[in-house]
Amino acid sequence: MDQWNDKGLHDRVLNPREFAGKRILIVGGGDSAFDWAVNLQGVAKSIVMIHRRDGFRDTRRPSIRCRRCRPPARCSAHVLELKEIAGSSRIERSHLQ
């Protein structure tokens, strides 16, 4: 994963405006994953959150938290696993399963 640092992969959000108009994939099931999905609403073009297990650490259901996402951002949560990240000089696509 280190090869993608500063090429589209971020392990924290320091400046939400950096994600303006972008399609965001959040990988994780903790509180911070949900918080960033909500905090990036209205900034990102779309937000997809994935987690590898059928269950999130947050006690509230993902659909309840993501319901707070309003246009222009769209938010959805899925139980999937990130299998691959690909691209030439930046992340261009991901393979989920």
PDB file of N, CA and C in Angstrom:
ATOM      1  N   MET A   1       0.806  -1.193   0.000  1.00  0.00           N
ATOM      2  CA  MET A   1       0.000   0.000   0.000  1.00  0.00           C
ATOM      3  C   MET A   1       0.854   1.265   0.000  1.00  0.00           C
ATOM      4  N   ASP A   2       2.067   1.176   0.509  1.00  0.00           N
ATOM      5  CA  ASP A   2       2.927   2.357   0.579  1.00  0.00           C
ATOM      6  C   ASP A   2       3.145   3.005  -0.783  1.00  0.00           C
ATOM      7  N   GLN A   3       3.142   2.217  -1.838  1.00  0.00           N
ATOM      8  CA  GLN A   3       3.377   2.774  -3.172  1.00  0.00           C
ATOM      9  C   GLN A   3       2.288   3.759  -3.584  1.00  0.00           C
ATOM     10  N   TRP A   4       1.122   3.739  -2.916  1.00  0.00           N
ATOM     11  CA  TRP A   4       0.017   4.613  -3.282  1.00  0.00           C
ATOM     12  C   TRP A   4      -0.086   5.862  -2.406  1.00  0.00           C
ATOM     13  N   ASN A   5       0.788   5.973  -1.388  1.00  0.00           N
ATOM     14  CA  ASN A   5       0.792   7.186  -0.564  1.00  0.00           C
ATOM     15  C   ASN A   5       1.056   8.404  -1.442  1.00  0.00           C
ATOM     16  N   ASP A   6       0.269   9.450  -1.232  1.00  0.00           N
ATOM     17  CA  ASP A   6       0.353  10.691  -2.013  1.00  0.00           C
ATOM     18  C   ASP A   6      -0.005  10.493  -3.481  1.00  0.00           C
ATOM     19  N   LYS A   7      -0.628   9.373  -3.793  1.00  0.00           N
ATOM     20  CA  LYS A   7      -1.084   9.110  -5.163  1.00  0.00           C
ATOM     21  C   LYS A   7      -2.557   8.722  -5.155  1.00  0.00           C
ATOM     22  N   GLY A   8      -3.266   9.197  -4.141  1.00  0.00           N
ATOM     23  CA  GLY A   8      -4.686   8.916  -4.038  1.00  0.00           C
ATOM     24  C   GLY A   8      -5.053   8.163  -2.776  1.00  0.00           C
ATOM     25  N   LEU A   9      -4.065   7.600  -2.077  1.00  0.00           N
ATOM     26  CA  LEU A   9      -4.320   6.878  -0.828  1.00  0.00           C
ATOM     27  C   LEU A   9      -4.019   7.814   0.345  1.00  0.00           C
ATOM     28  N   HIS A  10      -4.966   7.897   1.272  1.00  0.00           N
ATOM     29  CA  HIS A  10      -4.810   8.749   2.452  1.00  0.00           C
ATOM     30  C   HIS A  10      -5.186   7.938   3.682  1.00  0.00           C
ATOM     31  N   ASP A  11      -4.383   8.047   4.723  1.00  0.00           N
ATOM     32  CA  ASP A  11      -4.736   7.357   5.961  1.00  0.00           C
ATOM     33  C   ASP A  11      -5.336   8.317   6.981  1.00  0.00           C
ATOM     34  N   ARG A  12      -5.454   9.573   6.611  1.00  0.00           N
ATOM     35  CA  ARG A  12      -6.131  10.569   7.440  1.00  0.00           C
ATOM     36  C   ARG A  12      -6.545  11.734   6.552  1.00  0.00           C
ATOM     37  N   VAL A  13      -7.482  12.498   7.046  1.00  0.00           N
ATOM     38  CA  VAL A  13      -7.954  13.672   6.309  1.00  0.00           C
ATOM     39  C   VAL A  13      -7.507  14.904   7.074  1.00  0.00           C
ATOM     40  N   LEU A  14      -6.572  15.638   6.509  1.00  0.00           N
ATOM     41  CA  LEU A  14      -6.106  16.865   7.133  1.00  0.00           C
ATOM     42  C   LEU A  14      -6.845  18.075   6.590  1.00  0.00           C
ATOM     43  N   ASN A  15      -7.196  18.025   5.307  1.00  0.00           N
ATOM     44  CA  ASN A  15      -7.894  19.128   4.666  1.00  0.00           C
ATOM     45  C   ASN A  15      -9.042  18.560   3.840  1.00  0.00           C
ATOM     46  N   PRO A  16     -10.274  18.609   4.361  1.00  0.00           N
ATOM     47  CA  PRO A  16     -11.412  18.039   3.623  1.00  0.00           C
ATOM     48  C   PRO A  16     -11.572  18.601   2.214  1.00  0.00           C
ATOM     49  N   ARG A  17     -11.192  19.862   1.983  1.00  0.00           N
ATOM     50  CA  ARG A  17     -11.337  20.477   0.652  1.00  0.00           C
ATOM     51  C   ARG A  17     -10.477  19.777  -0.396  1.00  0.00           C
ATOM     52  N   GLU A  18      -9.462  19.049   0.047  1.00  0.00           N
ATOM     53  CA  GLU A  18      -8.614  18.293  -0.867  1.00  0.00           C
ATOM     54  C   GLU A  18      -9.423  17.219  -1.609  1.00  0.00           C
ATOM     55  N   PHE A  19     -10.575  16.856  -1.052  1.00  0.00           N
ATOM     56  CA  PHE A  19     -11.413  15.803  -1.622  1.00  0.00           C
ATOM     57  C   PHE A  19     -12.614  16.360  -2.391  1.00  0.00           C
ATOM     58  N   ALA A  20     -12.617  17.666  -2.623  1.00  0.00           N
ATOM     59  CA  ALA A  20     -13.734  18.319  -3.301  1.00  0.00           C
ATOM     60  C   ALA A  20     -13.961  17.728  -4.690  1.00  0.00           C
ATOM     61  N   GLY A  21     -15.198  17.306  -4.942  1.00  0.00           N
ATOM     62  CA  GLY A  21     -15.590  16.799  -6.242  1.00  0.00           C
ATOM     63  C   GLY A  21     -15.057  15.425  -6.596  1.00  0.00           C
ATOM     64  N   LYS A  22     -14.418  14.749  -5.663  1.00  0.00           N
ATOM     65  CA  LYS A  22     -13.820  13.446  -5.960  1.00  0.00           C
ATOM     66  C   LYS A  22     -14.715  12.301  -5.506  1.00  0.00           C
ATOM     67  N   ARG A  23     -14.520  11.150  -6.139  1.00  0.00           N
ATOM     68  CA  ARG A  23     -15.184   9.920  -5.709  1.00  0.00           C
ATOM     69  C   ARG A  23     -14.318   9.305  -4.624  1.00  0.00           C
ATOM     70  N   ILE A  24     -14.904   9.069  -3.447  1.00  0.00           N
ATOM     71  CA  ILE A  24     -14.148   8.624  -2.282  1.00  0.00           C
ATOM     72  C   ILE A  24     -14.541   7.197  -1.930  1.00  0.00           C
ATOM     73  N   LEU A  25     -13.529   6.361  -1.674  1.00  0.00           N
ATOM     74  CA  LEU A  25     -13.724   5.004  -1.168  1.00  0.00           C
ATOM     75  C   LEU A  25     -13.078   4.958   0.205  1.00  0.00           C
ATOM     76  N   ILE A  26     -13.889   4.746   1.239  1.00  0.00           N
ATOM     77  CA  ILE A  26     -13.388   4.649   2.607  1.00  0.00           C
ATOM     78  C   ILE A  26     -13.382   3.177   2.980  1.00  0.00           C
ATOM     79  N   VAL A  27     -12.222   2.672   3.393  1.00  0.00           N
ATOM     80  CA  VAL A  27     -12.073   1.271   3.758  1.00  0.00           C
ATOM     81  C   VAL A  27     -11.922   1.206   5.274  1.00  0.00           C
ATOM     82  N   GLY A  28     -12.902   0.596   5.944  1.00  0.00           N
ATOM     83  CA  GLY A  28     -12.835   0.467   7.396  1.00  0.00           C
ATOM     84  C   GLY A  28     -14.219   0.405   8.001  1.00  0.00           C
ATOM     85  N   GLY A  29     -14.282  -0.063   9.217  1.00  0.00           N
ATOM     86  CA  GLY A  29     -15.569  -0.221   9.867  1.00  0.00           C
ATOM     87  C   GLY A  29     -15.651   0.437  11.220  1.00  0.00           C
ATOM     88  N   GLY A  30     -14.705   1.290  11.537  1.00  0.00           N
ATOM     89  CA  GLY A  30     -14.703   1.952  12.835  1.00  0.00           C
ATOM     90  C   GLY A  30     -15.450   3.267  12.816  1.00  0.00           C
ATOM     91  N   ASP A  31     -15.509   3.880  13.980  1.00  0.00           N
ATOM     92  CA  ASP A  31     -16.197   5.161  14.110  1.00  0.00           C
ATOM     93  C   ASP A  31     -15.625   6.221  13.177  1.00  0.00           C
ATOM     94  N   SER A  32     -14.301   6.252  13.024  1.00  0.00           N
ATOM     95  CA  SER A  32     -13.712   7.295  12.184  1.00  0.00           C
ATOM     96  C   SER A  32     -14.112   7.121  10.720  1.00  0.00           C
ATOM     97  N   ALA A  33     -14.298   5.890  10.259  1.00  0.00           N
ATOM     98  CA  ALA A  33     -14.754   5.670   8.884  1.00  0.00           C
ATOM     99  C   ALA A  33     -16.132   6.300   8.681  1.00  0.00           C
ATOM    100  N   PHE A  34     -17.034   6.067   9.619  1.00  0.00           N
ATOM    101  CA  PHE A  34     -18.361   6.677   9.528  1.00  0.00           C
ATOM    102  C   PHE A  34     -18.278   8.194   9.634  1.00  0.00           C
ATOM    103  N   ASP A  35     -17.456   8.677  10.566  1.00  0.00           N
ATOM    104  CA  ASP A  35     -17.349  10.123  10.758  1.00  0.00           C
ATOM    105  C   ASP A  35     -16.869  10.809   9.493  1.00  0.00           C
ATOM    106  N   TRP A  36     -15.867  10.218   8.819  1.00  0.00           N
ATOM    107  CA  TRP A  36     -15.388  10.848   7.596  1.00  0.00           C
ATOM    108  C   TRP A  36     -16.384  10.725   6.457  1.00  0.00           C
ATOM    109  N   ALA A  37     -17.130   9.653   6.415  1.00  0.00           N
ATOM    110  CA  ALA A  37     -18.191   9.552   5.400  1.00  0.00           C
ATOM    111  C   ALA A  37     -19.186  10.688   5.568  1.00  0.00           C
ATOM    112  N   VAL A  38     -19.543  10.981   6.787  1.00  0.00           N
ATOM    113  CA  VAL A  38     -20.488  12.071   7.058  1.00  0.00           C
ATOM    114  C   VAL A  38     -19.818  13.426   6.855  1.00  0.00           C
ATOM    115  N   ASN A  39     -18.578  13.594   7.338  1.00  0.00           N
ATOM    116  CA  ASN A  39     -17.898  14.892   7.235  1.00  0.00           C
ATOM    117  C   ASN A  39     -17.544  15.287   5.813  1.00  0.00           C
ATOM    118  N   LEU A  40     -17.388  14.311   4.933  1.00  0.00           N
ATOM    119  CA  LEU A  40     -17.062  14.632   3.543  1.00  0.00           C
ATOM    120  C   LEU A  40     -18.295  14.852   2.674  1.00  0.00           C
ATOM    121  N   GLN A  41     -19.482  14.703   3.259  1.00  0.00           N
ATOM    122  CA  GLN A  41     -20.691  14.987   2.488  1.00  0.00           C
ATOM    123  C   GLN A  41     -20.707  16.460   2.103  1.00  0.00           C
ATOM    124  N   GLY A  42     -21.182  16.738   0.930  1.00  0.00           N
ATOM    125  CA  GLY A  42     -21.205  18.111   0.450  1.00  0.00           C
ATOM    126  C   GLY A  42     -19.854  18.569  -0.071  1.00  0.00           C
ATOM    127  N   VAL A  43     -18.818  17.770   0.111  1.00  0.00           N
ATOM    128  CA  VAL A  43     -17.479  18.073  -0.392  1.00  0.00           C
ATOM    129  C   VAL A  43     -17.162  17.114  -1.535  1.00  0.00           C
ATOM    130  N   ALA A  44     -17.293  15.818  -1.256  1.00  0.00           N
ATOM    131  CA  ALA A  44     -16.973  14.781  -2.254  1.00  0.00           C
ATOM    132  C   ALA A  44     -18.123  14.609  -3.238  1.00  0.00           C
ATOM    133  N   LYS A  45     -17.785  14.132  -4.423  1.00  0.00           N
ATOM    134  CA  LYS A  45     -18.807  13.816  -5.426  1.00  0.00           C
ATOM    135  C   LYS A  45     -19.628  12.616  -4.986  1.00  0.00           C
ATOM    136  N   SER A  46     -18.943  11.561  -4.480  1.00  0.00           N
ATOM    137  CA  SER A  46     -19.622  10.373  -3.976  1.00  0.00           C
ATOM    138  C   SER A  46     -18.740   9.721  -2.920  1.00  0.00           C
ATOM    139  N   ILE A  47     -19.383   8.980  -2.022  1.00  0.00           N
ATOM    140  CA  ILE A  47     -18.667   8.328  -0.934  1.00  0.00           C
ATOM    141  C   ILE A  47     -19.158   6.889  -0.825  1.00  0.00           C
ATOM    142  N   VAL A  48     -18.239   5.943  -0.910  1.00  0.00           N
ATOM    143  CA  VAL A  48     -18.556   4.533  -0.713  1.00  0.00           C
ATOM    144  C   VAL A  48     -17.675   4.051   0.431  1.00  0.00           C
ATOM    145  N   MET A  49     -18.293   3.425   1.412  1.00  0.00           N
ATOM    146  CA  MET A  49     -17.549   2.885   2.539  1.00  0.00           C
ATOM    147  C   MET A  49     -17.666   1.371   2.487  1.00  0.00           C
ATOM    148  N   ILE A  50     -16.525   0.678   2.619  1.00  0.00           N
ATOM    149  CA  ILE A  50     -16.552  -0.782   2.621  1.00  0.00           C
ATOM    150  C   ILE A  50     -15.884  -1.300   3.894  1.00  0.00           C
ATOM    151  N   HIS A  51     -16.314  -2.478   4.271  1.00  0.00           N
ATOM    152  CA  HIS A  51     -15.747  -3.170   5.428  1.00  0.00           C
ATOM    153  C   HIS A  51     -15.776  -4.643   5.116  1.00  0.00           C
ATOM    154  N   ARG A  52     -14.759  -5.372   5.560  1.00  0.00           N
ATOM    155  CA  ARG A  52     -14.639  -6.783   5.162  1.00  0.00           C
ATOM    156  C   ARG A  52     -15.527  -7.716   5.952  1.00  0.00           C
ATOM    157  N   ARG A  53     -16.039  -7.314   7.096  1.00  0.00           N
ATOM    158  CA  ARG A  53     -16.899  -8.185   7.905  1.00  0.00           C
ATOM    159  C   ARG A  53     -18.333  -7.713   7.862  1.00  0.00           C
ATOM    160  N   ASP A  54     -19.233  -8.631   8.100  1.00  0.00           N
ATOM    161  CA  ASP A  54     -20.655  -8.305   8.172  1.00  0.00           C
ATOM    162  C   ASP A  54     -20.946  -7.761   9.570  1.00  0.00           C
ATOM    163  N   GLY A  55     -20.553  -6.568   9.782  1.00  0.00           N
ATOM    164  CA  GLY A  55     -20.738  -5.921  11.066  1.00  0.00           C
ATOM    165  C   GLY A  55     -19.733  -4.803  11.211  1.00  0.00           C
ATOM    166  N   PHE A  56     -20.203  -3.665  11.656  1.00  0.00           N
ATOM    167  CA  PHE A  56     -19.360  -2.502  11.850  1.00  0.00           C
ATOM    168  C   PHE A  56     -19.197  -2.273  13.342  1.00  0.00           C
ATOM    169  N   ARG A  57     -18.079  -1.675  13.726  1.00  0.00           N
ATOM    170  CA  ARG A  57     -17.851  -1.421  15.145  1.00  0.00           C
ATOM    171  C   ARG A  57     -18.817  -0.397  15.703  1.00  0.00           C
ATOM    172  N   ASP A  58     -19.265   0.509  14.865  1.00  0.00           N
ATOM    173  CA  ASP A  58     -20.229   1.506  15.324  1.00  0.00           C
ATOM    174  C   ASP A  58     -21.509   0.794  15.734  1.00  0.00           C
ATOM    175  N   THR A  59     -22.105   1.212  16.815  1.00  0.00           N
ATOM    176  CA  THR A  59     -23.295   0.526  17.316  1.00  0.00           C
ATOM    177  C   THR A  59     -24.531   0.830  16.499  1.00  0.00           C
ATOM    178  N   ARG A  60     -24.507   1.922  15.755  1.00  0.00           N
ATOM    179  CA  ARG A  60     -25.648   2.252  14.898  1.00  0.00           C
ATOM    180  C   ARG A  60     -25.474   1.596  13.539  1.00  0.00           C
ATOM    181  N   ARG A  61     -26.565   1.250  12.916  1.00  0.00           N
ATOM    182  CA  ARG A  61     -26.488   0.606  11.595  1.00  0.00           C
ATOM    183  C   ARG A  61     -25.910   1.571  10.562  1.00  0.00           C
ATOM    184  N   PRO A  62     -25.114   1.082   9.609  1.00  0.00           N
ATOM    185  CA  PRO A  62     -24.519   1.960   8.592  1.00  0.00           C
ATOM    186  C   PRO A  62     -25.553   2.791   7.857  1.00  0.00           C
ATOM    187  N   SER A  63     -26.700   2.212   7.551  1.00  0.00           N
ATOM    188  CA  SER A  63     -27.695   2.956   6.779  1.00  0.00           C
ATOM    189  C   SER A  63     -28.217   4.152   7.559  1.00  0.00           C
ATOM    190  N   ILE A  64     -28.274   4.060   8.880  1.00  0.00           N
ATOM    191  CA  ILE A  64     -28.733   5.184   9.687  1.00  0.00           C
ATOM    192  C   ILE A  64     -27.705   6.301   9.640  1.00  0.00           C
ATOM    193  N   ARG A  65     -26.417   5.973   9.801  1.00  0.00           N
ATOM    194  CA  ARG A  65     -25.376   6.989   9.754  1.00  0.00           C
ATOM    195  C   ARG A  65     -25.288   7.601   8.362  1.00  0.00           C
ATOM    196  N   CYS A  66     -25.339   6.755   7.329  1.00  0.00           N
ATOM    197  CA  CYS A  66     -25.165   7.266   5.971  1.00  0.00           C
ATOM    198  C   CYS A  66     -26.380   8.051   5.490  1.00  0.00           C
ATOM    199  N   ARG A  67     -27.505   7.871   6.115  1.00  0.00           N
ATOM    200  CA  ARG A  67     -28.688   8.639   5.746  1.00  0.00           C
ATOM    201  C   ARG A  67     -28.456  10.131   5.934  1.00  0.00           C
ATOM    202  N   ARG A  68     -27.511  10.474   6.810  1.00  0.00           N
ATOM    203  CA  ARG A  68     -27.211  11.880   7.033  1.00  0.00           C
ATOM    204  C   ARG A  68     -26.474  12.495   5.845  1.00  0.00           C
ATOM    205  N   CYS A  69     -25.973  11.681   4.939  1.00  0.00           N
ATOM    206  CA  CYS A  69     -25.310  12.195   3.736  1.00  0.00           C
ATOM    207  C   CYS A  69     -26.387  12.690   2.781  1.00  0.00           C
ATOM    208  N   ARG A  70     -26.223  13.917   2.358  1.00  0.00           N
ATOM    209  CA  ARG A  70     -27.201  14.529   1.465  1.00  0.00           C
ATOM    210  C   ARG A  70     -26.498  15.002   0.193  1.00  0.00           C
ATOM    211  N   PRO A  71     -27.265  15.238  -0.882  1.00  0.00           N
ATOM    212  CA  PRO A  71     -26.641  15.756  -2.096  1.00  0.00           C
ATOM    213  C   PRO A  71     -25.888  17.042  -1.783  1.00  0.00           C
ATOM    214  N   PRO A  72     -24.765  17.341  -2.477  1.00  0.00           N
ATOM    215  CA  PRO A  72     -24.345  16.668  -3.694  1.00  0.00           C
ATOM    216  C   PRO A  72     -23.601  15.363  -3.459  1.00  0.00           C
ATOM    217  N   ALA A  73     -23.206  15.055  -2.236  1.00  0.00           N
ATOM    218  CA  ALA A  73     -22.515  13.784  -1.988  1.00  0.00           C
ATOM    219  C   ALA A  73     -23.528  12.665  -1.818  1.00  0.00           C
ATOM    220  N   ARG A  74     -23.163  11.501  -2.221  1.00  0.00           N
ATOM    221  CA  ARG A  74     -23.967  10.302  -2.014  1.00  0.00           C
ATOM    222  C   ARG A  74     -23.127   9.356  -1.180  1.00  0.00           C
ATOM    223  N   CYS A  75     -23.761   8.647  -0.264  1.00  0.00           N
ATOM    224  CA  CYS A  75     -23.018   7.768   0.627  1.00  0.00           C
ATOM    225  C   CYS A  75     -23.678   6.400   0.642  1.00  0.00           C
ATOM    226  N   SER A  76     -22.862   5.360   0.603  1.00  0.00           N
ATOM    227  CA  SER A  76     -23.384   4.008   0.740  1.00  0.00           C
ATOM    228  C   SER A  76     -22.355   3.170   1.485  1.00  0.00           C
ATOM    229  N   ALA A  77     -22.838   2.149   2.195  1.00  0.00           N
ATOM    230  CA  ALA A  77     -21.957   1.257   2.947  1.00  0.00           C
ATOM    231  C   ALA A  77     -22.168  -0.163   2.451  1.00  0.00           C
ATOM    232  N   HIS A  78     -21.069  -0.910   2.303  1.00  0.00           N
ATOM    233  CA  HIS A  78     -21.126  -2.266   1.766  1.00  0.00           C
ATOM    234  C   HIS A  78     -20.183  -3.180   2.531  1.00  0.00           C
ATOM    235  N   VAL A  79     -20.533  -4.456   2.616  1.00  0.00           N
ATOM    236  CA  VAL A  79     -19.642  -5.463   3.192  1.00  0.00           C
ATOM    237  C   VAL A  79     -18.913  -6.111   2.024  1.00  0.00           C
ATOM    238  N   LEU A  80     -17.685  -5.669   1.811  1.00  0.00           N
ATOM    239  CA  LEU A  80     -16.835  -6.154   0.724  1.00  0.00           C
ATOM    240  C   LEU A  80     -15.399  -6.143   1.216  1.00  0.00           C
ATOM    241  N   GLU A  81     -14.529  -6.723   0.436  1.00  0.00           N
ATOM    242  CA  GLU A  81     -13.102  -6.694   0.765  1.00  0.00           C
ATOM    243  C   GLU A  81     -12.355  -6.049  -0.386  1.00  0.00           C
ATOM    244  N   LEU A  82     -11.443  -5.157  -0.055  1.00  0.00           N
ATOM    245  CA  LEU A  82     -10.590  -4.530  -1.055  1.00  0.00           C
ATOM    246  C   LEU A  82      -9.526  -5.541  -1.473  1.00  0.00           C
ATOM    247  N   LYS A  83      -9.532  -5.930  -2.728  1.00  0.00           N
ATOM    248  CA  LYS A  83      -8.599  -6.941  -3.233  1.00  0.00           C
ATOM    249  C   LYS A  83      -7.392  -6.331  -3.937  1.00  0.00           C
ATOM    250  N   GLU A  84      -7.607  -5.200  -4.617  1.00  0.00           N
ATOM    251  CA  GLU A  84      -6.519  -4.646  -5.413  1.00  0.00           C
ATOM    252  C   GLU A  84      -6.740  -3.168  -5.655  1.00  0.00           C
ATOM    253  N   ILE A  85      -5.647  -2.424  -5.706  1.00  0.00           N
ATOM    254  CA  ILE A  85      -5.642  -1.025  -6.125  1.00  0.00           C
ATOM    255  C   ILE A  85      -4.756  -0.963  -7.356  1.00  0.00           C
ATOM    256  N   ALA A  86      -5.194  -0.245  -8.381  1.00  0.00           N
ATOM    257  CA  ALA A  86      -4.414  -0.210  -9.622  1.00  0.00           C
ATOM    258  C   ALA A  86      -4.431   1.186 -10.232  1.00  0.00           C
ATOM    259  N   GLY A  87      -3.465   1.435 -11.071  1.00  0.00           N
ATOM    260  CA  GLY A  87      -3.354   2.701 -11.788  1.00  0.00           C
ATOM    261  C   GLY A  87      -1.935   2.865 -12.290  1.00  0.00           C
ATOM    262  N   SER A  88      -1.699   3.935 -13.019  1.00  0.00           N
ATOM    263  CA  SER A  88      -0.339   4.184 -13.499  1.00  0.00           C
ATOM    264  C   SER A  88       0.400   5.064 -12.496  1.00  0.00           C
ATOM    265  N   SER A  89       0.177   6.359 -12.518  1.00  0.00           N
ATOM    266  CA  SER A  89       0.874   7.239 -11.579  1.00  0.00           C
ATOM    267  C   SER A  89       0.017   7.618 -10.375  1.00  0.00           C
ATOM    268  N   ARG A  90      -1.278   7.312 -10.441  1.00  0.00           N
ATOM    269  CA  ARG A  90      -2.227   7.579  -9.345  1.00  0.00           C
ATOM    270  C   ARG A  90      -3.210   6.421  -9.285  1.00  0.00           C
ATOM    271  N   ILE A  91      -3.954   6.331  -8.189  1.00  0.00           N
ATOM    272  CA  ILE A  91      -5.007   5.307  -8.105  1.00  0.00           C
ATOM    273  C   ILE A  91      -6.081   5.637  -9.133  1.00  0.00           C
ATOM    274  N   GLU A  92      -6.365   4.686  -9.990  1.00  0.00           N
ATOM    275  CA  GLU A  92      -7.381   4.877 -11.019  1.00  0.00           C
ATOM    276  C   GLU A  92      -8.564   3.951 -10.839  1.00  0.00           C
ATOM    277  N   ARG A  93      -8.329   2.825 -10.144  1.00  0.00           N
ATOM    278  CA  ARG A  93      -9.431   1.871  -9.954  1.00  0.00           C
ATOM    279  C   ARG A  93      -9.108   0.960  -8.776  1.00  0.00           C
ATOM    280  N   SER A  94     -10.158   0.340  -8.275  1.00  0.00           N
ATOM    281  CA  SER A  94     -10.000  -0.643  -7.194  1.00  0.00           C
ATOM    282  C   SER A  94     -10.847  -1.857  -7.526  1.00  0.00           C
ATOM    283  N   HIS A  95     -10.407  -2.988  -7.050  1.00  0.00           N
ATOM    284  CA  HIS A  95     -11.153  -4.233  -7.241  1.00  0.00           C
ATOM    285  C   HIS A  95     -11.693  -4.655  -5.874  1.00  0.00           C
ATOM    286  N   LEU A  96     -13.006  -4.742  -5.786  1.00  0.00           N
ATOM    287  CA  LEU A  96     -13.679  -5.129  -4.549  1.00  0.00           C
ATOM    288  C   LEU A  96     -14.312  -6.475  -4.746  1.00  0.00           C
ATOM    289  N   GLN A  97     -14.396  -7.250  -3.666  1.00  0.00           N
ATOM    290  CA  GLN A  97     -15.040  -8.570  -3.778  1.00  0.00           C
ATOM    291  C   GLN A  97     -15.851  -8.795  -2.534  1.00  0.00           C
TER     292      GLN A  97
END
